[in-house]
Amino acid sequence: MKAESAQGYLDDLVGWASARLIGDEVLLAHLSGEDSDFVRFNHASVRQAGSVSQRSISIDLIDGQRHAEGSVSLTGVVDTDHHRVAALMSDLREQRAVLPEDPYLLYSTGVEASERVVDGEAPTSADAVDAVVSGAGASDLVGIYAAGQSFRGFASSFGQRNWFAAGSFNLDWSLHLHADKATKNAYAGLVWDADALAAKLAWSRRELEVLGREPRTLAPGGYRAFLSPAALREIMDMLAWGGFSLRSHRTKQTPLLRMITEDAELHPSVTIAEDIAGGVAPDFQAAGFTRPGTVSLIAGGRFAGHLVSPRSAQEYGVDTNGADDHEFPTAIAMAPGSLPTDDVLAQLGTGLYIGNLWYLNFSDRSACRATGMTRFGTFWVEDGEIVAPIEVLRFDDTAFHLLGDRLVGLTDTAETILDSSTYEQRSTESLRLPGALVEEMTFTL
């Protein structure tokens, strides 16, 4: 089954299955698929290359307030897929018979159709490989390149049909010096820019040269710091962990609790949105509800809105805005500021350039306080010049400081970051983030 025919195939398959419903049954179907190329690099050479073409369908079989869900892989062979879907529906009926009613079940009963296709402009895999190998030079580059089209479809027994497809690429790499000494970077997006990749690889080589110098050990305390977009992404992931969920807010489990109970604010330059229109995630979800192009979450440092799943909408008596059940943003975007991107080291002056963070977790969730470690590409900067790598540090700080009263400014450009996860299938989550200059970031050891 070719990608371009998957949309019609879903329509036919759900039409066939809908004709076999019993009584007042309702069928909701969600198709996931991809056609992707993967290339794994080691020592700046191709070590493994391959392609993945897969499609699967998830079905929610509903009768009143009882329902059961399951999924099967599709082959593209009509008779085989009919047999698989029929067997799945039979299993779901058996499961549903012993399940209790679901008081928060809510699904679309509309018949509206939509189609959105985001055409990416990635090179051929061969051209991408040539660019990576030549850009790495003599460095020990280790990484993975993934590119191709991901698509999602929704279809119901009511006749609703929605389709989304996006082509994208994601190159994630490290340049290794020795042992655990390495610098990490990534280049991802919809439109390939050879110059942008070359600039990122050149920066990685520059970092690698500095890693060869004697590392500096810093005492615990507060340091002026610049957080790269990749480092800020880790902070944002912690914010997104319940920070914008209606359910988390209503149950007072949100890390942004102070924004509800104390009218706390972030820096006025901080504006955050769920930007479905600018990402690579579908503009509908598995219960058939569509998503607006943009949902304002933080506006001018103040809390502006929630992500509301159908289940939360049913529970709390509000309208859904098409969020998934976990109410986690899938296309988060932070507006850039006015700090010149090309001048961040000079603006930093003396302090820490933080390329990556990892192992983050909340140390005080209700205060939005997180702890974690510096990772690849963290350097000591003096008078706007990188002078030495630093030994690993642990930070413990709150977003109300880092993106609030201690934020000096955000860079005037934002970087597109695509989630590199390929567990079961390529992720469609994305972020668009600037870098952040912070007057003081607290490190505990």
Protein backbone atom coordinates (compact mmCIF):
# COMPACT_ATOMS: atom_id res chain seq x y z
CA MET A 1 0.00 0.00 0.00
CA LYS A 2 1.57 3.27 -1.12
CA ALA A 3 1.34 6.33 1.12
CA GLU A 4 -0.76 8.22 -1.39
CA SER A 5 -3.36 5.43 -1.40
CA ALA A 6 -3.53 4.97 2.39
CA GLN A 7 -6.17 7.68 2.76
CA GLY A 8 -8.59 5.95 0.41
CA TYR A 9 -7.72 2.58 1.90
CA LEU A 10 -8.73 3.81 5.37
CA ASP A 11 -12.02 5.12 3.98
CA ASP A 12 -12.83 1.79 2.34
CA LEU A 13 -11.75 -0.26 5.34
CA VAL A 14 -13.83 1.72 7.83
CA GLY A 15 -16.80 1.67 5.45
CA TRP A 16 -16.53 -2.12 5.29
CA ALA A 17 -16.20 -2.42 9.09
CA SER A 18 -19.08 0.00 9.74
CA ALA A 19 -21.39 -2.21 7.69
CA ARG A 20 -20.70 -5.00 10.19
CA LEU A 21 -21.63 -3.11 13.35
CA ILE A 22 -24.28 -4.64 15.56
CA GLY A 23 -27.20 -2.70 17.00
CA ASP A 24 -26.24 0.82 18.13
CA GLU A 25 -22.51 0.24 17.99
CA VAL A 26 -20.23 3.15 17.03
CA LEU A 27 -16.80 2.68 15.48
CA LEU A 28 -13.93 5.15 15.71
CA ALA A 29 -10.78 4.35 13.74
CA HIS A 30 -7.38 6.02 13.84
CA LEU A 31 -4.69 5.14 11.29
CA SER A 32 -0.96 5.69 11.86
CA GLY A 33 1.66 5.20 9.18
CA GLU A 34 5.05 6.20 7.90
CA ASP A 35 7.48 5.71 5.04
CA SER A 36 10.88 6.51 6.48
CA ASP A 37 14.56 6.13 5.64
CA PHE A 38 17.07 5.61 8.45
CA VAL A 39 20.86 5.91 8.35
CA ARG A 40 23.11 5.18 11.33
CA PHE A 41 26.58 6.74 11.47
CA ASN A 42 29.69 5.76 13.41
CA HIS A 43 33.16 7.29 12.90
CA ALA A 44 31.49 9.56 10.31
CA SER A 45 30.75 6.54 8.13
CA VAL A 46 27.49 4.77 7.31
CA ARG A 47 27.17 1.66 9.46
CA GLN A 48 23.55 0.79 8.80
CA ALA A 49 20.89 2.00 6.38
CA GLY A 50 17.33 0.92 5.80
CA SER A 51 13.74 1.89 5.24
CA VAL A 52 10.54 1.35 7.20
CA SER A 53 7.06 1.31 5.71
CA GLN A 54 4.28 0.57 8.18
CA ARG A 55 0.57 1.19 8.77
CA SER A 56 -1.62 0.28 11.73
CA ILE A 57 -5.22 0.95 12.67
CA SER A 58 -6.63 1.51 16.15
CA ILE A 59 -10.33 0.90 16.71
CA ASP A 60 -12.55 2.06 19.56
CA LEU A 61 -15.77 0.01 19.50
CA ILE A 62 -18.51 1.77 21.47
CA ASP A 63 -21.93 0.75 22.68
CA GLY A 64 -23.58 3.36 24.90
CA GLN A 65 -21.05 4.33 27.59
CA ARG A 66 -19.08 1.10 27.28
CA HIS A 67 -16.18 0.79 24.89
CA ALA A 68 -13.02 -1.16 24.20
CA GLU A 69 -9.97 -0.24 22.14
CA GLY A 70 -7.36 -2.24 20.24
CA SER A 71 -5.08 -2.06 17.21
CA VAL A 72 -3.68 -4.24 14.44
CA SER A 73 -1.05 -3.80 11.75
CA LEU A 74 -2.22 -3.47 8.17
CA THR A 75 -0.73 -5.27 5.20
CA GLY A 76 -2.43 -3.50 2.32
CA VAL A 77 -3.92 -6.82 1.20
CA VAL A 78 -7.67 -6.32 1.40
CA ASP A 79 -8.73 -9.85 2.37
CA THR A 80 -6.01 -10.11 5.02
CA ASP A 81 -6.84 -6.73 6.55
CA HIS A 82 -10.56 -7.47 6.52
CA HIS A 83 -9.85 -10.67 8.45
CA ARG A 84 -7.65 -8.81 10.96
CA VAL A 85 -10.16 -6.02 11.56
CA ALA A 86 -13.05 -8.50 11.90
CA ALA A 87 -11.07 -10.51 14.46
CA LEU A 88 -10.18 -7.32 16.35
CA MET A 89 -13.84 -6.23 16.46
CA SER A 90 -14.86 -9.64 17.77
CA ASP A 91 -12.23 -9.42 20.54
CA LEU A 92 -13.33 -5.89 21.45
CA ARG A 93 -16.95 -7.00 21.81
CA GLU A 94 -15.89 -9.71 24.24
CA GLN A 95 -13.81 -7.24 26.26
CA ARG A 96 -16.50 -4.57 26.26
CA ALA A 97 -19.06 -6.99 27.67
CA VAL A 98 -17.23 -7.17 31.01
CA LEU A 99 -16.17 -3.50 31.22
CA PRO A 100 -18.02 -0.89 33.30
CA GLU A 101 -19.57 2.22 31.79
CA ASP A 102 -17.13 5.06 31.16
CA PRO A 103 -18.61 8.27 32.64
CA TYR A 104 -16.14 10.50 30.78
CA LEU A 105 -16.47 8.98 27.32
CA LEU A 106 -16.80 11.73 24.71
CA TYR A 107 -16.26 11.43 20.98
CA SER A 108 -17.06 13.33 17.81
CA THR A 109 -20.38 12.55 16.18
CA GLY A 110 -19.83 14.92 13.28
CA VAL A 111 -19.33 14.14 9.62
CA GLU A 112 -16.90 16.93 8.76
CA ALA A 113 -13.96 16.07 6.52
CA SER A 114 -10.52 17.67 6.53
CA GLU A 115 -7.22 17.16 4.79
CA ARG A 116 -3.87 18.78 5.57
CA VAL A 117 -0.61 17.84 3.86
CA VAL A 118 2.70 19.47 4.83
CA ASP A 119 5.17 18.93 2.02
CA GLY A 120 8.74 18.65 3.24
CA GLU A 121 11.79 19.36 1.13
CA ALA A 122 14.37 16.87 2.31
CA PRO A 123 17.26 15.71 0.11
CA THR A 124 17.66 12.14 -1.00
CA SER A 125 19.23 9.99 1.67
CA ALA A 126 22.38 9.70 -0.47
CA ASP A 127 22.74 13.50 -0.63
CA ALA A 128 22.11 13.81 3.10
CA VAL A 129 24.78 11.21 3.81
CA ASP A 130 27.28 13.08 1.62
CA ALA A 131 26.56 16.34 3.46
CA VAL A 132 26.99 14.72 6.89
CA VAL A 133 30.20 12.88 6.05
CA SER A 134 31.84 15.87 4.38
CA GLY A 135 30.71 18.22 7.16
CA ALA A 136 32.08 15.97 9.90
CA GLY A 137 35.54 15.99 8.38
CA ALA A 138 37.96 13.89 10.42
CA SER A 139 35.75 13.97 13.53
CA ASP A 140 34.26 10.86 15.08
CA LEU A 141 30.60 11.51 14.31
CA VAL A 142 28.01 9.14 15.74
CA GLY A 143 24.35 9.68 15.00
CA ILE A 144 21.21 8.77 13.14
CA TYR A 145 19.39 10.36 10.22
CA ALA A 146 15.67 9.77 9.76
CA ALA A 147 13.54 11.25 7.00
CA GLY A 148 10.30 10.60 5.20
CA GLN A 149 6.56 11.00 5.49
CA SER A 150 4.41 10.35 8.54
CA PHE A 151 0.63 10.31 8.20
CA ARG A 152 -2.44 9.98 10.39
CA GLY A 153 -6.09 9.43 9.56
CA PHE A 154 -9.38 9.39 11.44
CA ALA A 155 -12.61 7.77 10.28
CA SER A 156 -15.86 6.99 12.08
CA SER A 157 -19.03 5.06 11.38
CA PHE A 158 -20.82 8.45 11.32
CA GLY A 159 -18.95 9.26 8.13
CA GLN A 160 -16.33 11.69 9.47
CA ARG A 161 -12.98 11.59 7.68
CA ASN A 162 -9.77 13.46 8.57
CA TRP A 163 -6.32 13.14 7.03
CA PHE A 164 -2.89 14.56 7.83
CA ALA A 165 0.55 13.92 6.32
CA ALA A 166 3.91 15.63 6.78
CA GLY A 167 7.36 15.09 5.34
CA SER A 168 10.27 15.90 7.65
CA PHE A 169 13.88 15.03 8.46
CA ASN A 170 15.81 14.69 11.70
CA LEU A 171 19.57 14.37 12.05
CA ASP A 172 20.79 13.76 15.60
CA TRP A 173 24.52 13.41 16.23
CA SER A 174 27.45 13.59 18.61
CA LEU A 175 31.11 14.28 17.92
CA HIS A 176 33.22 12.16 20.26
CA LEU A 177 36.65 13.06 21.59
CA HIS A 178 37.36 10.15 23.94
CA ALA A 179 35.63 8.23 26.74
CA ASP A 180 32.58 10.28 27.76
CA LYS A 181 33.82 13.51 26.20
CA ALA A 182 31.50 14.47 23.37
CA THR A 183 29.46 17.32 22.01
CA LYS A 184 25.88 16.85 20.87
CA ASN A 185 23.80 18.64 18.25
CA ALA A 186 20.85 18.14 15.91
CA TYR A 187 19.36 19.51 12.73
CA ALA A 188 15.71 18.92 11.93
CA GLY A 189 12.84 20.46 10.04
CA LEU A 190 10.75 20.44 6.90
CA VAL A 191 13.05 22.21 4.43
CA TRP A 192 16.70 21.16 4.15
CA ASP A 193 19.27 23.96 4.20
CA ALA A 194 22.82 22.78 3.47
CA ASP A 195 24.30 25.99 4.90
CA ALA A 196 22.40 25.58 8.17
CA LEU A 197 23.70 22.02 8.55
CA ALA A 198 27.26 23.12 7.74
CA ALA A 199 27.05 25.85 10.40
CA LYS A 200 25.85 23.39 13.04
CA LEU A 201 28.59 20.88 12.21
CA ALA A 202 31.17 23.69 12.33
CA TRP A 203 29.91 24.65 15.80
CA SER A 204 30.19 21.01 16.92
CA ARG A 205 33.78 20.87 15.69
CA ARG A 206 34.53 24.11 17.57
CA GLU A 207 33.08 22.63 20.76
CA LEU A 208 35.10 19.45 20.22
CA GLU A 209 38.32 21.45 20.06
CA VAL A 210 37.48 23.10 23.40
CA LEU A 211 36.68 19.71 24.97
CA GLY A 212 40.33 18.80 24.49
CA ARG A 213 41.36 21.45 27.00
CA GLU A 214 41.72 20.93 30.75
CA PRO A 215 38.23 20.92 32.28
CA ARG A 216 37.35 23.43 34.95
CA THR A 217 35.66 22.45 38.22
CA LEU A 218 33.14 24.96 39.53
CA ALA A 219 31.97 25.26 43.11
CA PRO A 220 28.26 25.01 43.85
CA GLY A 221 26.45 28.33 43.61
CA GLY A 222 24.72 30.68 41.24
CA TYR A 223 26.18 31.43 37.79
CA ARG A 224 25.16 33.58 34.86
CA ALA A 225 24.19 31.13 32.12
CA PHE A 226 23.03 30.83 28.54
CA LEU A 227 20.66 27.95 27.82
CA SER A 228 20.76 26.79 24.21
CA PRO A 229 17.43 25.84 22.59
CA ALA A 230 18.31 22.17 23.19
CA ALA A 231 18.88 22.84 26.90
CA LEU A 232 15.76 24.98 27.16
CA ARG A 233 13.84 22.10 25.57
CA GLU A 234 14.48 20.02 28.71
CA ILE A 235 13.11 22.80 30.91
CA MET A 236 10.11 23.12 28.61
CA ASP A 237 9.45 19.38 28.79
CA MET A 238 9.19 19.70 32.56
CA LEU A 239 6.82 22.66 32.21
CA ALA A 240 4.69 20.67 29.77
CA TRP A 241 4.42 17.76 32.21
CA GLY A 242 1.04 18.84 33.51
CA GLY A 243 1.77 22.54 33.22
CA PHE A 244 -0.92 23.21 30.61
CA SER A 245 -3.29 20.33 31.33
CA LEU A 246 -6.79 21.29 32.45
CA ARG A 247 -6.98 18.10 34.51
CA SER A 248 -3.71 18.88 36.30
CA HIS A 249 -4.89 22.42 37.05
CA ARG A 250 -8.28 21.32 38.38
CA THR A 251 -6.64 18.68 40.61
CA LYS A 252 -3.91 21.15 41.73
CA GLN A 253 -1.15 18.84 40.46
CA THR A 254 0.25 21.27 37.91
CA PRO A 255 3.84 22.51 38.30
CA LEU A 256 2.43 25.96 37.45
CA LEU A 257 0.26 25.88 40.59
CA ARG A 258 1.55 29.28 41.74
CA MET A 259 0.13 30.84 38.58
CA ILE A 260 -3.31 29.72 39.77
CA THR A 261 -3.09 30.24 43.52
CA GLU A 262 -0.75 33.24 43.77
CA ASP A 263 -1.09 34.92 40.36
CA ALA A 264 2.61 34.27 39.80
CA GLU A 265 4.00 35.29 36.42
CA LEU A 266 6.92 34.49 34.18
CA HIS A 267 8.99 37.18 32.45
CA PRO A 268 6.85 39.45 30.23
CA SER A 269 8.85 38.30 27.18
CA VAL A 270 7.71 34.69 27.63
CA THR A 271 4.90 33.73 25.27
CA ILE A 272 4.17 30.04 24.69
CA ALA A 273 1.60 28.38 22.44
CA GLU A 274 0.55 24.99 21.16
CA ASP A 275 1.24 25.66 17.48
CA ILE A 276 -0.33 22.79 15.55
CA ALA A 277 -0.31 24.84 12.35
CA GLY A 278 3.46 25.22 12.52
CA GLY A 279 4.37 21.68 13.58
CA VAL A 280 4.27 18.15 12.20
CA ALA A 281 1.49 16.76 14.41
CA PRO A 282 -2.02 16.04 13.06
CA ASP A 283 -4.73 18.65 13.50
CA PHE A 284 -7.18 16.10 14.94
CA GLN A 285 -7.03 13.39 17.60
CA ALA A 286 -8.15 9.83 18.14
CA ALA A 287 -11.68 10.68 19.28
CA GLY A 288 -12.26 12.70 16.12
CA PHE A 289 -12.08 16.22 17.55
CA THR A 290 -10.13 18.76 15.53
CA ARG A 291 -7.40 21.00 16.94
CA PRO A 292 -7.19 24.74 16.38
CA GLY A 293 -4.09 26.01 14.61
CA THR A 294 -2.90 27.75 17.77
CA VAL A 295 -3.77 27.55 21.47
CA SER A 296 -2.30 30.31 23.63
CA LEU A 297 -0.79 28.86 26.83
CA ILE A 298 1.36 31.68 28.25
CA ALA A 299 0.93 35.24 26.97
CA GLY A 300 3.30 37.97 28.13
CA GLY A 301 4.34 35.87 31.12
CA ARG A 302 0.77 35.21 32.27
CA PHE A 303 -1.14 31.96 32.10
CA ALA A 304 -3.49 32.12 29.11
CA GLY A 305 -5.11 28.75 28.46
CA HIS A 306 -5.31 25.00 28.93
CA LEU A 307 -5.07 21.94 26.74
CA VAL A 308 -8.42 20.18 27.14
CA SER A 309 -8.93 16.55 26.15
CA PRO A 310 -12.42 15.19 25.42
CA ARG A 311 -12.36 13.28 28.71
CA SER A 312 -11.54 16.41 30.71
CA ALA A 313 -14.16 18.33 28.77
CA GLN A 314 -16.77 15.74 29.77
CA GLU A 315 -15.61 15.63 33.38
CA TYR A 316 -15.44 19.37 33.96
CA GLY A 317 -18.19 20.55 31.65
CA VAL A 318 -16.08 22.64 29.28
CA ASP A 319 -15.32 22.52 25.56
CA THR A 320 -12.46 20.39 24.28
CA ASN A 321 -9.75 21.88 22.09
CA GLY A 322 -8.64 18.54 20.71
CA ALA A 323 -5.85 17.69 23.14
CA ASP A 324 -4.90 14.05 23.56
CA ASP A 325 -5.86 12.27 26.78
CA HIS A 326 -2.56 13.11 28.48
CA GLU A 327 -2.99 16.84 27.62
CA PHE A 328 0.68 17.22 26.77
CA PRO A 329 1.57 19.73 24.02
CA THR A 330 2.67 18.14 20.76
CA ALA A 331 3.78 21.28 18.88
CA ILE A 332 4.96 23.73 21.49
CA ALA A 333 6.38 27.06 20.39
CA MET A 334 7.97 29.87 22.38
CA ALA A 335 8.16 33.30 20.78
CA PRO A 336 11.71 34.60 20.24
CA GLY A 337 12.95 37.74 21.95
CA SER A 338 15.43 40.47 21.03
CA LEU A 339 18.80 39.02 22.05
CA PRO A 340 20.96 38.70 18.89
CA THR A 341 21.53 35.00 18.30
CA ASP A 342 24.94 35.57 16.73
CA ASP A 343 26.03 37.60 19.76
CA VAL A 344 25.04 35.31 22.64
CA LEU A 345 28.59 34.69 23.90
CA ALA A 346 29.29 38.42 24.08
CA GLN A 347 25.94 38.97 25.80
CA LEU A 348 26.76 36.19 28.26
CA GLY A 349 30.11 37.79 29.06
CA THR A 350 31.39 35.53 31.82
CA GLY A 351 29.47 32.46 32.85
CA LEU A 352 28.19 29.11 31.58
CA TYR A 353 27.22 28.20 28.04
CA ILE A 354 24.90 25.20 28.48
CA GLY A 355 24.43 23.12 25.35
CA ASN A 356 22.43 20.26 26.87
CA LEU A 357 20.75 19.12 30.07
CA TRP A 358 19.58 15.66 31.05
CA TYR A 359 18.14 13.45 33.81
CA LEU A 360 15.64 16.13 34.78
CA ASN A 361 12.97 15.55 37.39
CA PHE A 362 10.95 17.67 39.75
CA SER A 363 12.51 18.39 43.13
CA ASP A 364 9.40 20.39 44.15
CA ARG A 365 6.60 19.99 41.64
CA SER A 366 4.21 22.50 43.21
CA ALA A 367 6.92 25.19 43.00
CA CYS A 368 7.91 24.17 39.45
CA ARG A 369 11.38 23.40 40.77
CA ALA A 370 13.41 20.86 38.80
CA THR A 371 16.81 19.28 39.16
CA GLY A 372 19.07 17.79 36.52
CA MET A 373 22.60 17.54 35.15
CA THR A 374 24.63 19.42 32.61
CA ARG A 375 25.54 17.26 29.65
CA PHE A 376 27.46 17.51 26.38
CA GLY A 377 28.69 20.92 25.34
CA THR A 378 28.70 22.90 28.59
CA PHE A 379 31.56 25.42 28.75
CA TRP A 380 33.01 28.20 30.87
CA VAL A 381 32.98 31.52 29.04
CA GLU A 382 35.07 34.58 29.94
CA ASP A 383 34.64 37.97 28.30
CA GLY A 384 32.57 36.43 25.52
CA GLU A 385 35.07 33.66 24.69
CA ILE A 386 34.76 29.94 25.40
CA VAL A 387 37.81 29.03 27.47
CA ALA A 388 37.25 25.55 28.94
CA PRO A 389 34.83 22.66 29.37
CA ILE A 390 33.45 22.15 32.85
CA GLU A 391 33.01 19.08 34.98
CA VAL A 392 29.43 17.88 35.31
CA LEU A 393 27.18 20.04 37.48
CA ARG A 394 23.77 19.45 39.03
CA PHE A 395 21.31 22.31 38.93
CA ASP A 396 18.26 22.82 41.12
CA ASP A 397 16.12 25.76 40.15
CA THR A 398 12.59 26.85 39.34
CA ALA A 399 11.12 28.00 36.06
CA PHE A 400 9.80 31.05 37.90
CA HIS A 401 13.45 32.11 38.15
CA LEU A 402 14.86 30.78 34.88
CA LEU A 403 11.97 32.09 32.77
CA GLY A 404 10.87 34.70 35.28
CA ASP A 405 12.67 37.20 37.46
CA ARG A 406 16.19 36.08 36.43
CA LEU A 407 15.61 35.94 32.67
CA VAL A 408 17.75 38.52 30.89
CA GLY A 409 16.40 37.81 27.42
CA LEU A 410 15.52 35.33 24.68
CA THR A 411 17.33 35.07 21.36
CA ASP A 412 15.82 36.74 18.32
CA THR A 413 15.58 33.42 16.45
CA ALA A 414 13.92 30.15 17.42
CA GLU A 415 15.14 26.68 16.48
CA THR A 416 12.90 23.86 15.25
CA ILE A 417 13.43 20.71 17.32
CA LEU A 418 11.71 17.51 16.22
CA ASP A 419 11.40 14.72 18.75
CA SER A 420 13.90 12.07 17.63
CA SER A 421 12.01 9.19 19.25
CA THR A 422 11.37 6.25 16.93
CA TYR A 423 9.82 3.86 19.46
CA GLU A 424 7.21 1.93 17.44
CA GLN A 425 7.15 4.80 14.91
CA ARG A 426 8.67 8.21 14.27
CA SER A 427 7.34 10.80 16.67
CA THR A 428 5.30 13.74 15.36
CA GLU A 429 6.03 15.95 18.37
CA SER A 430 7.97 19.18 17.83
CA LEU A 431 9.19 22.30 19.57
CA ARG A 432 10.27 25.71 18.33
CA LEU A 433 12.41 27.44 20.93
CA PRO A 434 14.85 30.34 21.27
CA GLY A 435 17.87 30.33 23.55
CA ALA A 436 17.65 31.99 26.98
CA LEU A 437 20.15 34.17 28.83
CA VAL A 438 19.70 33.90 32.63
CA GLU A 439 21.25 36.24 35.18
CA GLU A 440 21.71 33.40 37.67
CA MET A 441 21.15 29.64 37.59
CA THR A 442 21.59 27.69 40.80
CA PHE A 443 23.89 24.65 40.93
CA THR A 444 24.02 22.44 44.01
CA LEU A 445 26.99 20.14 43.30
